[in-house]
Structure formats: C-alpha cells, structure tokens
N, C-alpha and C. Protein backbone atom coordinates (compact mmCIF):
# COMPACT_ATOMS: atom_id res chain seq x y z
N MET A 1 45.92 -4.42 49.66
CA MET A 1 47.11 -3.12 49.83
C MET A 1 45.88 -1.99 49.52
N THR A 2 45.80 -1.07 49.75
CA THR A 2 45.09 0.05 49.88
C THR A 2 45.89 1.35 50.28
N TYR A 3 45.48 2.20 49.14
CA TYR A 3 46.26 3.78 49.45
C TYR A 3 44.97 4.83 49.46
N GLY A 4 44.20 5.52 50.37
CA GLY A 4 43.75 6.17 50.32
C GLY A 4 43.05 7.18 51.88
N THR A 5 42.15 7.80 51.79
CA THR A 5 42.00 8.62 53.09
C THR A 5 41.28 7.77 53.84
N PRO A 6 42.22 8.01 55.75
CA PRO A 6 41.69 7.44 56.54
C PRO A 6 40.11 7.10 57.31
N LEU A 7 39.67 6.61 57.41
CA LEU A 7 38.03 6.25 57.64
C LEU A 7 37.92 7.86 58.58
N VAL A 8 38.77 7.71 59.64
CA VAL A 8 38.14 8.63 60.75
C VAL A 8 38.10 10.23 60.21
N ASP A 9 39.00 10.63 59.08
CA ASP A 9 39.09 11.78 58.57
C ASP A 9 38.03 11.89 57.38
N MET A 10 37.50 10.37 57.20
CA MET A 10 36.18 10.88 56.04
C MET A 10 35.10 11.25 56.85
N PHE A 11 35.22 11.01 58.63
CA PHE A 11 34.31 10.94 59.17
C PHE A 11 33.77 12.01 59.77
N ARG A 12 35.19 13.13 60.11
CA ARG A 12 35.05 14.16 60.34
C ARG A 12 34.91 15.31 59.26
N GLN A 13 35.12 14.89 58.02
CA GLN A 13 34.65 15.44 57.23
C GLN A 13 32.77 15.81 57.00
N ALA A 14 32.59 14.71 56.93
CA ALA A 14 31.42 14.40 57.31
C ALA A 14 30.55 15.07 58.07
N GLY A 15 30.95 15.27 59.37
CA GLY A 15 30.37 15.95 60.40
C GLY A 15 30.33 17.36 60.20
N ILE A 16 32.27 17.45 59.32
CA ILE A 16 31.52 19.07 59.04
C ILE A 16 30.53 19.78 57.87
N TYR A 17 30.03 18.92 57.03
CA TYR A 17 28.91 18.60 56.48
C TYR A 17 28.08 19.11 57.10
N ALA A 18 27.69 18.17 58.16
CA ALA A 18 26.15 17.81 58.48
C ALA A 18 26.15 19.13 59.53
N GLY A 19 27.48 19.75 60.58
CA GLY A 19 26.93 20.90 61.21
C GLY A 19 27.12 21.96 60.47
N SER A 20 27.47 22.14 59.09
CA SER A 20 26.79 23.51 58.17
C SER A 20 25.87 23.26 57.95
N ILE A 21 25.48 21.96 57.54
CA ILE A 21 23.66 22.33 57.00
C ILE A 21 22.35 21.99 58.22
N ALA A 22 23.21 21.68 59.06
CA ALA A 22 22.48 21.98 60.76
C ALA A 22 22.17 23.11 60.77
N LYS A 23 23.50 24.18 60.46
CA LYS A 23 22.92 25.78 61.07
C LYS A 23 22.53 26.48 59.51
N GLY A 24 21.84 25.81 58.87
CA GLY A 24 21.35 26.28 57.48
C GLY A 24 21.79 26.76 56.62
N THR A 25 23.17 26.16 56.34
CA THR A 25 23.72 26.60 55.02
C THR A 25 23.05 25.70 53.90
N ASN A 26 22.41 26.11 52.71
CA ASN A 26 22.50 25.03 51.79
C ASN A 26 23.18 24.23 51.17
N PRO A 27 22.89 22.56 51.12
CA PRO A 27 23.64 21.55 50.83
C PRO A 27 24.56 22.39 49.50
N ALA A 28 23.58 22.68 48.48
CA ALA A 28 24.54 23.28 47.21
C ALA A 28 25.37 23.85 47.28
N ASP A 29 25.65 24.81 48.20
CA ASP A 29 26.42 26.22 48.43
C ASP A 29 27.70 25.65 49.50
N LEU A 30 27.88 24.13 49.49
CA LEU A 30 28.68 23.95 50.11
C LEU A 30 30.30 23.43 49.40
N PRO A 31 31.16 23.41 49.97
CA PRO A 31 31.92 23.28 49.03
C PRO A 31 32.96 21.78 48.69
N VAL A 32 33.45 21.66 47.78
CA VAL A 32 33.68 19.76 47.89
C VAL A 32 35.14 19.69 48.20
N LEU A 33 34.66 19.18 49.52
CA LEU A 33 36.02 18.83 50.36
C LEU A 33 37.33 17.65 49.42
N GLN A 34 38.29 17.86 49.57
CA GLN A 34 39.25 16.76 49.24
C GLN A 34 40.71 16.87 50.15
N SER A 35 40.40 15.30 50.20
CA SER A 35 41.39 14.60 51.63
C SER A 35 42.50 15.64 51.09
N THR A 36 43.54 15.17 52.53
CA THR A 36 44.85 16.35 52.20
C THR A 36 45.57 15.04 52.39
N LYS A 37 45.31 13.76 53.67
CA LYS A 37 45.88 12.86 54.52
C LYS A 37 45.55 11.92 53.69
N PHE A 38 46.57 10.94 53.35
CA PHE A 38 46.66 9.51 52.96
C PHE A 38 47.47 8.69 53.76
N GLU A 39 46.97 7.53 53.23
CA GLU A 39 47.84 6.40 53.91
C GLU A 39 47.67 5.06 53.73
N LEU A 40 48.98 4.48 53.42
CA LEU A 40 49.15 3.04 52.93
C LEU A 40 49.04 1.68 53.74
N VAL A 41 48.32 0.94 53.62
CA VAL A 41 47.95 -0.03 54.41
C VAL A 41 47.96 -1.28 53.59
N ILE A 42 49.51 -2.27 54.59
CA ILE A 42 49.58 -3.29 53.44
C ILE A 42 49.00 -5.03 54.51
N ASN A 43 48.45 -5.77 53.72
CA ASN A 43 47.63 -6.85 54.83
C ASN A 43 48.82 -7.82 54.01
N LEU A 44 49.57 -8.05 55.34
CA LEU A 44 50.47 -9.22 54.59
C LEU A 44 50.21 -10.68 54.49
N LYS A 45 48.89 -11.05 55.31
CA LYS A 45 48.53 -12.46 55.54
C LYS A 45 47.49 -12.75 54.20
N THR A 46 47.08 -11.51 54.10
CA THR A 46 46.26 -12.08 52.40
C THR A 46 47.29 -11.91 51.14
N ALA A 47 48.16 -11.16 51.23
CA ALA A 47 49.20 -11.41 50.23
C ALA A 47 50.08 -12.53 50.22
N LYS A 48 50.62 -13.28 51.73
CA LYS A 48 50.90 -14.48 51.58
C LYS A 48 49.81 -15.71 50.89
N ALA A 49 48.82 -15.14 51.65
CA ALA A 49 48.11 -16.77 50.53
C ALA A 49 47.79 -16.21 49.87
N PHE A 50 47.81 -15.47 48.65
CA PHE A 50 47.93 -15.52 47.26
C PHE A 50 49.09 -15.92 46.60
N GLY A 51 50.25 -15.31 47.41
CA GLY A 51 51.33 -16.07 47.27
C GLY A 51 52.23 -14.50 46.52
N ILE A 52 52.25 -13.42 47.15
CA ILE A 52 52.68 -12.34 46.52
C ILE A 52 53.13 -11.92 47.48
N ASP A 53 54.76 -11.33 47.11
CA ASP A 53 56.20 -11.03 47.82
C ASP A 53 56.12 -9.38 47.87
N VAL A 54 55.64 -8.99 48.85
CA VAL A 54 55.65 -7.26 49.13
C VAL A 54 57.23 -7.19 49.15
N PRO A 55 57.49 -6.20 48.71
CA PRO A 55 59.09 -5.53 48.57
C PRO A 55 59.10 -5.48 50.14
N PRO A 56 60.56 -5.59 50.33
CA PRO A 56 61.09 -4.52 51.79
C PRO A 56 60.67 -3.05 51.76
N MET A 57 60.98 -2.35 50.39
CA MET A 57 61.10 -1.22 50.49
C MET A 57 59.74 -0.63 50.67
N LEU A 58 58.55 -1.69 50.48
CA LEU A 58 57.31 -1.05 50.20
C LEU A 58 56.43 -0.99 51.46
N LEU A 59 57.07 -1.95 52.57
CA LEU A 59 56.64 -2.57 53.63
C LEU A 59 57.45 -1.90 54.39
N ALA A 60 58.23 -0.53 54.29
CA ALA A 60 58.78 0.27 55.25
C ALA A 60 57.72 1.65 55.04
N ARG A 61 57.39 1.72 53.66
CA ARG A 61 56.85 2.70 53.44
C ARG A 61 55.60 2.97 54.15
N ALA A 62 54.78 2.11 54.20
CA ALA A 62 53.50 1.83 54.49
C ALA A 62 53.24 2.12 55.83
N ASP A 63 51.72 2.86 56.20
CA ASP A 63 51.74 3.45 57.58
C ASP A 63 51.51 1.89 58.31
N GLU A 64 50.65 1.04 57.88
CA GLU A 64 50.17 -0.07 58.72
C GLU A 64 50.52 -1.21 58.21
N VAL A 65 50.95 -2.19 58.13
CA VAL A 65 51.48 -3.24 57.95
C VAL A 65 50.52 -4.79 58.64
N ILE A 66 49.74 -5.06 57.81
CA ILE A 66 48.42 -6.19 58.70
C ILE A 66 49.52 -7.46 58.93
N GLU A 67 49.16 -7.75 59.93
CA GLU A 67 50.49 -8.94 59.61
C GLU A 67 49.56 -11.18 60.01
C-alpha cells in the first residue's frame, strides 16, 4: 500500500523546473513545490501473500487496487 504523489505529477514538476532553468532562472531562486494531489494504491495480491486482510472501507477509498 502506498499513499503519495502520482509519478506523472512529479515528472510534470521536474519539467517545470527544467524549463525555468533552461530559460536562465537561477536554480537557487526557484520555489520549493509541494504536491497538491495524492493517491492511495493498494496491492491486494501482495497483501494476500502476506496474509493481510484489507478492510472493504479502505479498498473503497483507494484510487487504484492492484489485484
């Protein structure tokens, strides 16, 4: 199970930084970006392999369930 920023958003933020640096902005002057989107991903196959029962309410809240 993981709760964090989607990789697509992290790559997008890296692209924004790279574009600013390519345009001549000093990297030290760039603001620290914080994620605004998060996703919950649950790997049921691995949970079952470890004998972990995932509650149905948690599964309902997950953005992605890997079976």
